[in-house]
Amino acid sequence: MVSLTEINLSKAAKFHPKFEKILDSHFEGLLRNEQLSVPGLVVLARRGQSRYHKAFGVSDLKSGDKMKTDAMFRMFSMTKVLTSFVALRLYEEGLFDLEDRVSKYIPSFDRPWDIVRDSENGSESINYKSFLTGQTLNLNFHREKSAQPMLIKHLMSESSGIEYELFSEYDSFLGGGICNRNAGLVANAIRQQLHPEVYRSTCIVGANLTLEQFVDTIGRAGVLTCEPGEFSYGHGATVLGRVIEILYEQSRGTSKKFSEIMSELLFYPLGMDEAAFFLADDDPRVSRIPTLYGAVLEENGTTSRVEEEQECYPEGVEYRTNQTAHYSGPRSYESGDTGSIMTASDYSKFYDMLLDGGVSNNGERLLSPQGIQILCKGRFKDLRLNTPLAKAFGVAGEYSPFPKSFNFGWATSHGDDCALRGYTTSDHADMSNWGGYALTQGFFYPSEDSYMLVCPQLMLTTPGAFAFGQALIRDTSMSAFHSVWS
């Protein structure tokens, strides 16, 4: 099933005496960076018994309102590991096996699947409107029958074949080398023929669909970008959220929405009191949501200009709901991939519980010690990681310069296998980490009794943020954090 590494917490972990000054300087520098200036962010870090929790910059450039530590952040893909955690709670009840077929729980997935292949001479074609260029593309493709079943472990490891269209967009935009060019566009266009609301990068959680309807649309379309088992980052955790709804109803005899199950099994026990998926019109937390920004890539290709996200797309692109989806509109699609919104302080309670071996502050055990090891260090077998997309994400296992792979909703370093091989990197041999669309970042170090959350709101879907954001925010912040360890 998985390979486990024992977690040995170091309670003697400390910060360097000058850690506050060093971290302040680094994060203030992100606000003034020439390539990509971050409007504002909140940082929360822990090492041993010491904490660092500060806000930098502004929450809105027009008003000049200062960023505050209680800001509500769109966590987007940092939701994935939370979904895997909830699934593992049900797994420990014996409700499913990680090798189970997804079709065992979702009837619409009990079907043969087609893998779509980009092909100039393909027997089929479909129109797709690019959110990067505003152009309508006529894409030729052909289909191949999938030979592999989709398993629960594929949902947790984002290797289900249900890929976001974003990577195909940038594969074409940047000249190739990221993924199976156009396959994600074709698959998404086929799903949108069944329901135009189903998904797009300018409408990540704003679809006027329930989770059940969203997942069944994927099943009815019946198309994948690759065989299950190959890293194909996308809607795996969304489908996992629907599996969780079904398992909950089967075991409890009552149905609940995914957000309600997440609240019952994670948010409430940990006192994550402000964590949510959607907020009502009159919810006071709405006023604490920062403006969502993006970045336009300048013609020189080496700098970018920060604008509100909706201003970063070309004329003719129908901007949808990323800015407002959590607090207006239908508020129906509860995505286990991208749906949560909360303060950095609330998210840190999840990391605190992991460091405490699965026990909440009030002494309630949420997950067994072995379950915590699985979440933090477990690695699935029989995944195909030697692919361009896995390499682009740095999760190609032994095929990455620093061996990591994506398991249980986040990337996990491969422990003793993490020889650097002469490659300069800020990665750590005992780290789990992942980020979100808005360049939020979470770094978790079980054996170091340490973690750090870095929370801007700068959309990776926009060209300037895609070009510079990860290296600027993730990589340099990771290095700065490691530099203050004593």
Protein backbone atom coordinates (compact mmCIF):
# COMPACT_ATOMS: atom_id res chain seq x y z
CA MET A 1 0.00 0.00 0.00
CA VAL A 2 2.41 2.68 1.22
CA SER A 3 5.94 2.92 2.50
CA LEU A 4 6.13 4.53 5.93
CA THR A 5 8.92 6.42 7.66
CA GLU A 6 8.84 6.86 11.44
CA ILE A 7 8.30 10.45 12.57
CA ASN A 8 10.61 11.56 15.38
CA LEU A 9 9.73 15.02 16.63
CA SER A 10 12.56 17.22 17.90
CA LYS A 11 11.15 19.24 20.81
CA ALA A 12 14.50 21.03 21.16
CA ALA A 13 14.05 22.84 17.85
CA LYS A 14 14.65 26.59 18.13
CA PHE A 15 14.89 29.70 16.01
CA HIS A 16 18.13 31.62 15.53
CA PRO A 17 18.26 34.58 17.98
CA LYS A 18 17.92 37.04 15.06
CA PHE A 19 15.16 35.10 13.28
CA GLU A 20 12.59 37.88 13.49
CA LYS A 21 14.83 40.47 11.85
CA ILE A 22 15.87 38.04 9.11
CA LEU A 23 12.31 36.96 8.29
CA ASP A 24 11.01 40.54 8.44
CA SER A 25 13.64 41.59 5.91
CA HIS A 26 12.81 38.74 3.55
CA PHE A 27 9.05 39.23 3.51
CA GLU A 28 9.28 43.01 3.30
CA GLY A 29 11.52 42.44 0.28
CA LEU A 30 8.76 40.52 -1.49
CA LEU A 31 6.67 43.69 -1.48
CA ARG A 32 9.37 45.51 -3.47
CA ASN A 33 10.56 42.79 -5.82
CA GLU A 34 11.21 44.11 -9.34
CA GLN A 35 10.03 40.98 -11.14
CA LEU A 36 6.82 40.51 -9.16
CA SER A 37 5.80 42.77 -6.30
CA VAL A 38 3.48 41.07 -3.82
CA PRO A 39 0.77 43.49 -2.58
CA GLY A 40 0.50 41.87 0.84
CA LEU A 41 0.76 38.63 2.76
CA VAL A 42 0.53 37.00 6.17
CA VAL A 43 3.22 34.66 7.49
CA LEU A 44 2.84 32.21 10.36
CA ALA A 45 5.78 30.02 11.36
CA ARG A 46 6.53 27.69 14.23
CA ARG A 47 9.75 26.06 15.36
CA GLY A 48 9.55 24.17 18.63
CA GLN A 49 7.79 26.41 21.13
CA SER A 50 8.53 29.66 19.23
CA ARG A 51 6.14 31.31 16.79
CA TYR A 52 6.30 34.07 14.21
CA HIS A 53 3.02 35.60 13.01
CA LYS A 54 3.04 38.85 11.04
CA ALA A 55 1.23 40.70 8.27
CA PHE A 56 2.99 42.65 5.53
CA GLY A 57 1.81 45.12 2.90
CA VAL A 58 -1.80 45.80 2.04
CA SER A 59 -4.96 43.79 1.53
CA ASP A 60 -6.13 46.17 -1.19
CA LEU A 61 -3.93 48.43 -3.32
CA LYS A 62 -6.64 50.96 -4.15
CA SER A 63 -7.73 51.64 -0.59
CA GLY A 64 -4.32 51.09 0.95
CA ASP A 65 -5.88 49.03 3.75
CA LYS A 66 -3.16 47.27 5.69
CA MET A 67 -2.98 43.49 5.60
CA LYS A 68 -3.92 42.05 8.99
CA THR A 69 -3.06 38.72 10.57
CA ASP A 70 -6.76 37.75 10.75
CA ALA A 71 -7.23 38.05 6.96
CA MET A 72 -9.31 35.29 5.35
CA PHE A 73 -7.29 33.57 2.63
CA ARG A 74 -8.47 31.55 -0.33
CA MET A 75 -6.38 28.44 0.29
CA PHE A 76 -7.29 26.79 -3.02
CA SER A 77 -5.11 23.66 -3.47
CA MET A 78 -3.94 23.66 0.12
CA THR A 79 -7.43 22.18 0.63
CA LYS A 80 -6.27 18.89 -0.92
CA VAL A 81 -4.37 17.59 2.10
CA LEU A 82 -7.32 18.50 4.35
CA THR A 83 -9.54 16.35 2.15
CA SER A 84 -7.07 13.46 2.35
CA PHE A 85 -7.01 13.83 6.13
CA VAL A 86 -10.80 13.54 6.36
CA ALA A 87 -10.70 10.54 4.03
CA LEU A 88 -8.10 8.88 6.26
CA ARG A 89 -10.40 9.31 9.26
CA LEU A 90 -12.99 7.24 7.39
CA TYR A 91 -10.29 4.84 6.22
CA GLU A 92 -9.40 4.14 9.84
CA GLU A 93 -13.05 3.22 10.41
CA GLY A 94 -12.60 0.51 7.78
CA LEU A 95 -15.01 2.13 5.32
CA PHE A 96 -12.83 1.77 2.21
CA ASP A 97 -9.48 0.59 0.93
CA LEU A 98 -6.98 2.78 -0.86
CA GLU A 99 -6.89 0.28 -3.75
CA ASP A 100 -10.69 0.35 -4.21
CA ARG A 101 -12.02 1.38 -7.60
CA VAL A 102 -13.69 4.78 -7.58
CA SER A 103 -16.60 3.24 -9.49
CA LYS A 104 -17.42 1.16 -6.39
CA TYR A 105 -18.75 4.36 -4.81
CA ILE A 106 -19.66 6.65 -7.73
CA PRO A 107 -21.99 4.97 -10.26
CA SER A 108 -21.27 7.49 -13.03
CA PHE A 109 -17.61 6.41 -12.93
CA ASP A 110 -18.55 2.77 -13.64
CA ARG A 111 -17.81 3.04 -17.34
CA PRO A 112 -15.01 2.70 -19.89
CA TRP A 113 -12.89 5.87 -20.00
CA ASP A 114 -11.41 7.53 -23.08
CA ILE A 115 -7.98 9.11 -23.03
CA VAL A 116 -7.93 12.15 -25.32
CA ARG A 117 -4.77 12.71 -27.36
CA ASP A 118 -3.84 15.93 -29.10
CA SER A 119 -3.52 15.08 -32.80
CA GLU A 120 -3.34 17.28 -35.90
CA ASN A 121 -4.93 14.48 -37.90
CA GLY A 122 -7.37 13.46 -35.20
CA SER A 123 -10.75 12.12 -36.18
CA GLU A 124 -12.58 14.59 -33.91
CA SER A 125 -12.37 18.31 -33.23
CA ILE A 126 -13.78 20.68 -30.64
CA ASN A 127 -13.68 24.43 -29.97
CA TYR A 128 -12.01 25.81 -26.86
CA LYS A 129 -11.70 29.48 -25.87
CA SER A 130 -8.35 30.26 -24.27
CA PHE A 131 -8.37 32.33 -21.08
CA LEU A 132 -4.75 33.33 -21.76
CA THR A 133 -5.19 34.67 -25.29
CA GLY A 134 -8.94 35.16 -25.70
CA GLN A 135 -8.78 33.19 -28.95
CA THR A 136 -11.12 30.36 -29.88
CA LEU A 137 -9.10 27.31 -30.85
CA ASN A 138 -10.32 24.42 -32.97
CA LEU A 139 -8.54 21.39 -31.55
CA ASN A 140 -8.15 18.08 -33.34
CA PHE A 141 -7.85 14.97 -31.21
CA HIS A 142 -8.41 11.25 -31.07
CA ARG A 143 -9.46 8.89 -28.31
CA GLU A 144 -7.83 5.79 -26.88
CA LYS A 145 -9.50 3.42 -24.46
CA SER A 146 -8.06 3.47 -20.96
CA ALA A 147 -6.63 0.13 -19.86
CA GLN A 148 -6.32 0.99 -16.15
CA PRO A 149 -9.04 1.38 -13.51
CA MET A 150 -9.22 4.61 -11.51
CA LEU A 151 -8.53 3.87 -7.83
CA ILE A 152 -9.03 5.84 -4.62
CA LYS A 153 -5.25 6.21 -4.27
CA HIS A 154 -5.22 7.93 -7.67
CA LEU A 155 -7.56 10.62 -6.32
CA MET A 156 -5.31 11.24 -3.31
CA SER A 157 -2.13 11.35 -5.40
CA GLU A 158 -3.63 13.52 -8.20
CA SER A 159 -2.98 10.75 -10.70
CA SER A 160 -6.59 10.15 -11.76
CA GLY A 161 -6.24 11.62 -15.26
CA ILE A 162 -8.78 14.38 -14.48
CA GLU A 163 -6.37 17.22 -15.17
CA TYR A 164 -6.92 20.99 -14.94
CA GLU A 165 -6.88 22.76 -18.29
CA LEU A 166 -4.36 25.31 -16.94
CA PHE A 167 -1.30 23.24 -17.80
CA SER A 168 -2.35 22.68 -21.40
CA GLU A 169 -2.93 26.44 -21.68
CA TYR A 170 0.60 27.21 -20.51
CA ASP A 171 2.09 24.32 -22.45
CA SER A 172 0.89 26.01 -25.63
CA PHE A 173 1.65 29.52 -24.34
CA LEU A 174 5.26 28.66 -23.42
CA GLY A 175 6.04 26.38 -26.33
CA GLY A 176 5.58 22.90 -24.89
CA GLY A 177 7.30 20.59 -22.48
CA ILE A 178 4.83 20.75 -19.58
CA CYS A 179 2.22 18.14 -20.44
CA ASN A 180 0.31 16.42 -23.25
CA ARG A 181 -0.39 19.64 -25.12
CA ASN A 182 -4.08 20.46 -25.58
CA ALA A 183 -5.34 17.26 -23.94
CA GLY A 184 -6.51 19.22 -20.89
CA LEU A 185 -8.23 21.76 -23.14
CA VAL A 186 -10.03 19.05 -25.09
CA ALA A 187 -11.16 17.19 -21.97
CA ASN A 188 -12.42 20.37 -20.34
CA ALA A 189 -14.26 21.45 -23.49
CA ILE A 190 -16.00 18.05 -23.69
CA ARG A 191 -17.16 18.40 -20.07
CA GLN A 192 -18.36 21.95 -20.71
CA GLN A 193 -20.50 20.68 -23.57
CA LEU A 194 -22.43 18.71 -20.94
CA HIS A 195 -22.53 21.63 -18.51
CA PRO A 196 -20.98 25.04 -19.32
CA GLU A 197 -20.44 25.77 -15.62
CA VAL A 198 -18.29 22.74 -14.89
CA TYR A 199 -14.82 24.29 -14.52
CA ARG A 200 -12.46 26.90 -15.85
CA SER A 201 -9.47 28.68 -14.37
CA THR A 202 -11.39 31.96 -14.16
CA CYS A 203 -14.21 30.18 -12.28
CA ILE A 204 -12.47 27.79 -9.91
CA VAL A 205 -15.18 27.33 -7.26
CA GLY A 206 -17.99 29.45 -8.69
CA ALA A 207 -19.84 26.76 -10.65
CA ASN A 208 -23.60 26.63 -10.19
CA LEU A 209 -23.42 22.90 -9.51
CA THR A 210 -23.45 20.76 -6.41
CA LEU A 211 -20.47 18.50 -5.79
CA GLU A 212 -22.54 15.50 -6.88
CA GLN A 213 -23.55 17.22 -10.14
CA PHE A 214 -19.99 18.36 -10.81
CA VAL A 215 -18.51 14.88 -10.30
CA ASP A 216 -21.26 13.19 -12.31
CA THR A 217 -20.54 15.59 -15.19
CA ILE A 218 -16.95 14.32 -15.17
CA GLY A 219 -18.26 10.76 -15.18
CA ARG A 220 -20.76 11.36 -17.98
CA ALA A 221 -18.09 12.99 -20.15
CA GLY A 222 -15.87 9.94 -19.66
CA VAL A 223 -12.60 11.55 -20.77
CA LEU A 224 -9.15 11.64 -19.18
CA THR A 225 -5.85 13.21 -20.19
CA CYS A 226 -3.80 10.10 -19.35
CA GLU A 227 -4.05 6.64 -17.83
CA PRO A 228 -4.95 6.60 -14.12
CA GLY A 229 -1.73 6.24 -12.15
CA GLU A 230 0.13 8.98 -14.06
CA PHE A 231 0.53 12.34 -12.30
CA SER A 232 -2.18 14.56 -13.78
CA TYR A 233 -2.84 17.34 -11.32
CA GLY A 234 -6.48 18.36 -11.22
CA HIS A 235 -9.83 17.30 -9.80
CA GLY A 236 -8.80 14.18 -7.91
CA ALA A 237 -9.59 15.59 -4.47
CA THR A 238 -12.91 16.94 -5.72
CA VAL A 239 -13.94 13.41 -6.67
CA LEU A 240 -12.53 12.22 -3.32
CA GLY A 241 -14.82 14.72 -1.60
CA ARG A 242 -17.81 13.10 -3.30
CA VAL A 243 -16.58 9.65 -2.21
CA ILE A 244 -16.43 11.03 1.35
CA GLU A 245 -20.06 12.20 1.11
CA ILE A 246 -21.14 8.73 -0.02
CA LEU A 247 -19.11 6.89 2.63
CA TYR A 248 -20.46 9.17 5.34
CA GLU A 249 -24.06 8.52 4.34
CA GLN A 250 -23.51 4.76 4.08
CA SER A 251 -21.90 4.57 7.53
CA ARG A 252 -24.04 7.11 9.44
CA GLY A 253 -27.38 6.64 7.76
CA THR A 254 -27.70 10.37 7.12
CA SER A 255 -26.42 12.58 4.33
CA LYS A 256 -24.30 15.69 4.75
CA LYS A 257 -22.60 18.03 2.34
CA PHE A 258 -18.84 17.73 2.03
CA SER A 259 -18.30 21.05 3.82
CA GLU A 260 -20.39 19.82 6.76
CA ILE A 261 -18.38 16.60 6.97
CA MET A 262 -15.12 18.57 6.83
CA SER A 263 -16.39 20.77 9.65
CA GLU A 264 -17.45 17.79 11.78
CA LEU A 265 -14.29 15.73 11.30
CA LEU A 266 -11.65 18.47 11.10
CA PHE A 267 -12.62 22.13 11.56
CA TYR A 268 -14.71 21.82 14.74
CA PRO A 269 -12.43 19.42 16.66
CA LEU A 270 -9.41 21.64 16.00
CA GLY A 271 -11.13 24.93 16.78
CA MET A 272 -10.68 26.14 13.19
CA ASP A 273 -13.60 28.43 13.93
CA GLU A 274 -13.36 30.69 10.88
CA ALA A 275 -12.58 28.01 8.29
CA ALA A 276 -15.30 27.57 5.66
CA PHE A 277 -16.02 26.87 2.03
CA PHE A 278 -18.50 29.68 1.37
CA LEU A 279 -19.64 32.72 3.35
CA ALA A 280 -23.15 34.18 3.51
CA ASP A 281 -23.92 37.68 2.21
CA ASP A 282 -23.90 39.23 5.68
CA ASP A 283 -20.99 37.26 7.12
CA PRO A 284 -18.55 39.68 8.82
CA ARG A 285 -15.61 37.56 7.64
CA VAL A 286 -16.20 38.79 4.08
CA SER A 287 -14.68 42.16 4.96
CA ARG A 288 -11.43 40.40 5.87
CA ILE A 289 -10.93 38.70 2.49
CA PRO A 290 -8.05 40.43 0.64
CA THR A 291 -8.42 41.52 -2.95
CA LEU A 292 -7.30 38.80 -5.36
CA TYR A 293 -4.48 39.97 -7.62
CA GLY A 294 -2.67 38.65 -10.67
CA ALA A 295 0.26 39.81 -12.75
CA VAL A 296 0.54 40.80 -16.39
CA LEU A 297 3.81 39.76 -18.03
CA GLU A 298 5.56 42.77 -19.53
CA GLU A 299 6.82 42.64 -23.13
CA ASN A 300 10.42 42.29 -21.96
CA GLY A 301 9.46 38.95 -20.39
CA THR A 302 11.54 39.66 -17.28
CA THR A 303 9.14 41.78 -15.22
CA SER A 304 5.43 41.89 -14.49
CA ARG A 305 2.74 44.37 -13.49
CA VAL A 306 0.36 43.54 -10.66
CA GLU A 307 -3.34 44.15 -11.32
CA GLU A 308 -6.60 42.85 -9.91
CA GLU A 309 -6.98 39.34 -11.26
CA GLN A 310 -9.83 40.10 -13.62
CA GLU A 311 -7.69 42.80 -15.31
CA CYS A 312 -4.91 40.33 -16.16
CA TYR A 313 -6.71 38.47 -18.94
CA PRO A 314 -6.97 39.67 -22.56
CA GLU A 315 -9.99 41.39 -24.02
CA GLY A 316 -12.68 38.91 -24.96
CA VAL A 317 -12.09 36.55 -22.06
CA GLU A 318 -15.22 36.17 -19.94
CA TYR A 319 -13.95 36.68 -16.41
CA ARG A 320 -15.99 34.70 -13.95
CA THR A 321 -15.87 34.42 -10.22
CA ASN A 322 -12.49 33.82 -8.56
CA GLN A 323 -12.55 37.25 -6.91
CA THR A 324 -16.01 36.83 -5.40
CA ALA A 325 -16.95 33.13 -5.52
CA HIS A 326 -16.48 32.48 -1.80
CA TYR A 327 -18.95 35.20 -0.77
CA SER A 328 -21.39 35.74 -3.66
CA GLY A 329 -23.05 33.83 -6.46
CA PRO A 330 -24.35 30.26 -6.21
CA ARG A 331 -21.90 28.99 -3.56
CA SER A 332 -22.80 25.40 -4.43
CA TYR A 333 -19.66 23.62 -5.64
CA GLU A 334 -17.76 22.40 -2.55
CA SER A 335 -14.39 21.46 -3.97
CA GLY A 336 -12.05 19.19 -2.05
CA ASP A 337 -9.36 20.41 -4.42
CA THR A 338 -9.65 24.15 -4.05
CA GLY A 339 -12.62 25.16 -1.91
CA SER A 340 -11.50 26.26 1.55
CA ILE A 341 -11.07 29.76 2.92
CA MET A 342 -9.66 30.59 6.36
CA THR A 343 -7.09 32.52 8.37
CA ALA A 344 -3.46 31.45 8.52
CA SER A 345 -4.01 30.90 12.23
CA ASP A 346 -6.81 28.40 11.56
CA TYR A 347 -4.74 26.49 9.01
CA SER A 348 -1.83 26.33 11.46
CA LYS A 349 -4.03 24.38 13.88
CA PHE A 350 -4.03 21.54 11.35
CA TYR A 351 -0.23 21.49 11.35
CA ASP A 352 -0.15 21.71 15.16
CA MET A 353 -2.37 18.64 15.38
CA LEU A 354 -0.07 16.72 13.03
CA LEU A 355 2.96 17.64 15.16
CA ASP A 356 1.02 16.45 18.21
CA GLY A 357 0.55 13.03 16.63
CA GLY A 358 -3.10 13.39 15.60
CA VAL A 359 -4.42 14.82 18.87
CA SER A 360 -6.25 18.16 19.16
CA ASN A 361 -5.52 20.81 21.78
CA ASN A 362 -8.44 19.53 23.88
CA GLY A 363 -7.07 15.98 23.87
CA GLU A 364 -9.33 14.43 21.22
CA ARG A 365 -7.60 11.93 18.97
CA LEU A 366 -8.52 12.56 15.34
CA LEU A 367 -6.16 10.13 13.64
CA SER A 368 -3.95 7.31 14.88
CA PRO A 369 -0.16 7.75 15.04
CA GLN A 370 0.12 5.39 12.06
CA GLY A 371 -2.46 7.47 10.20
CA ILE A 372 -0.38 10.59 10.81
CA GLN A 373 2.68 8.77 9.46
CA ILE A 374 0.72 7.76 6.38
CA LEU A 375 -0.44 11.32 5.73
CA CYS A 376 2.97 12.90 6.32
CA LYS A 377 5.36 10.30 4.95
CA GLY A 378 3.35 7.65 3.11
CA ARG A 379 4.13 7.03 -0.54
CA PHE A 380 1.91 5.17 -2.97
CA LYS A 381 3.39 2.43 -5.09
CA ASP A 382 2.86 1.81 -8.80
CA LEU A 383 2.51 5.44 -9.89
CA ARG A 384 4.07 6.64 -13.15
CA LEU A 385 6.14 9.68 -12.20
CA ASN A 386 8.63 9.97 -15.06
CA THR A 387 6.49 12.49 -16.93
CA PRO A 388 6.92 16.13 -17.98
CA LEU A 389 4.13 17.37 -15.70
CA ALA A 390 5.48 15.57 -12.61
CA LYS A 391 8.95 16.91 -13.38
CA ALA A 392 7.59 20.44 -13.84
CA PHE A 393 5.99 20.18 -10.38
CA GLY A 394 9.12 18.65 -8.86
CA VAL A 395 7.22 15.51 -7.78
CA ALA A 396 8.68 12.94 -10.17
CA GLY A 397 10.14 10.82 -7.38
CA GLU A 398 13.57 9.49 -8.27
CA TYR A 399 13.35 11.36 -11.58
CA SER A 400 13.35 14.73 -9.77
CA PRO A 401 16.69 16.33 -8.80
CA PHE A 402 15.45 16.26 -5.21
CA PRO A 403 13.27 13.15 -4.84
CA LYS A 404 9.69 14.03 -3.92
CA SER A 405 6.30 12.71 -4.95
CA PHE A 406 2.69 13.78 -4.50
CA ASN A 407 0.81 11.64 -1.97
CA PHE A 408 -2.25 12.22 0.22
CA GLY A 409 -2.90 15.75 -1.04
CA TRP A 410 0.63 17.19 -0.84
CA ALA A 411 4.23 16.60 -1.85
CA THR A 412 6.39 14.47 0.43
CA SER A 413 10.18 14.33 0.37
CA HIS A 414 11.68 10.87 0.14
CA GLY A 415 13.65 10.93 3.38
CA ASP A 416 16.96 9.12 3.16
CA ASP A 417 16.59 8.87 -0.62
CA CYS A 418 16.89 12.66 -0.91
CA ALA A 419 20.51 12.89 -2.08
CA LEU A 420 20.93 16.27 -3.74
CA ARG A 421 23.13 14.91 -6.55
CA GLY A 422 24.89 18.24 -6.91
CA TYR A 423 21.64 20.14 -7.35
CA THR A 424 21.28 23.36 -5.36
CA THR A 425 17.88 23.44 -3.69
CA SER A 426 16.19 24.70 -0.56
CA ASP A 427 14.17 21.50 -0.16
CA HIS A 428 14.47 19.49 3.03
CA ALA A 429 14.82 15.71 3.33
CA ASP A 430 11.91 15.48 5.79
CA MET A 431 9.30 17.88 4.48
CA SER A 432 5.74 17.80 3.24
CA ASN A 433 4.55 20.87 1.39
CA TRP A 434 2.08 22.28 -1.09
CA GLY A 435 0.66 25.57 -2.24
CA GLY A 436 -2.46 27.01 -3.81
CA TYR A 437 -3.58 28.89 -6.91
CA ALA A 438 -3.17 32.24 -5.10
CA LEU A 439 0.47 31.35 -4.29
CA THR A 440 -0.27 30.46 -0.68
CA GLN A 441 2.42 28.07 0.56
CA GLY A 442 2.63 25.56 3.38
CA PHE A 443 5.87 23.89 4.53
CA PHE A 444 5.68 21.17 7.17
CA TYR A 445 8.66 19.42 8.81
CA PRO A 446 7.56 16.61 11.14
CA SER A 447 10.97 15.68 12.52
CA GLU A 448 11.93 19.34 13.01
CA ASP A 449 8.82 20.35 14.99
CA SER A 450 8.48 23.17 12.48
CA TYR A 451 6.23 24.62 9.82
CA MET A 452 5.61 27.83 7.93
CA LEU A 453 2.56 29.27 6.16
CA VAL A 454 3.04 32.06 3.62
CA CYS A 455 -0.24 33.58 2.46
CA PRO A 456 -0.42 36.10 -0.39
CA GLN A 457 -3.39 36.38 -2.77
CA LEU A 458 -1.71 36.50 -6.18
CA MET A 459 -3.16 34.20 -8.83
CA LEU A 460 -0.86 31.66 -10.41
CA THR A 461 -3.22 31.44 -13.38
CA THR A 462 -2.05 34.87 -14.58
CA PRO A 463 1.08 35.00 -16.78
CA GLY A 464 3.35 37.12 -14.57
CA ALA A 465 2.58 35.10 -11.45
CA PHE A 466 3.00 31.84 -13.38
CA ALA A 467 6.41 32.97 -14.63
CA PHE A 468 7.88 34.25 -11.35
CA GLY A 469 5.61 33.39 -8.43
CA GLN A 470 6.80 29.96 -7.33
CA ALA A 471 10.51 30.81 -7.41
CA LEU A 472 9.94 34.15 -5.69
CA ILE A 473 7.47 33.18 -2.98
CA ARG A 474 7.93 29.45 -2.42
CA ASP A 475 11.63 28.87 -3.01
CA THR A 476 13.10 32.01 -1.45
CA SER A 477 10.75 31.84 1.55
CA MET A 478 11.69 28.22 2.16
CA SER A 479 15.37 29.18 2.11
CA ALA A 480 14.78 32.12 4.45
CA PHE A 481 12.93 29.87 6.89
CA HIS A 482 15.69 27.25 6.92
CA SER A 483 18.28 29.97 7.48
CA VAL A 484 16.82 30.93 10.87
CA TRP A 485 16.88 27.44 12.35
CA SER A 486 19.18 27.06 15.32
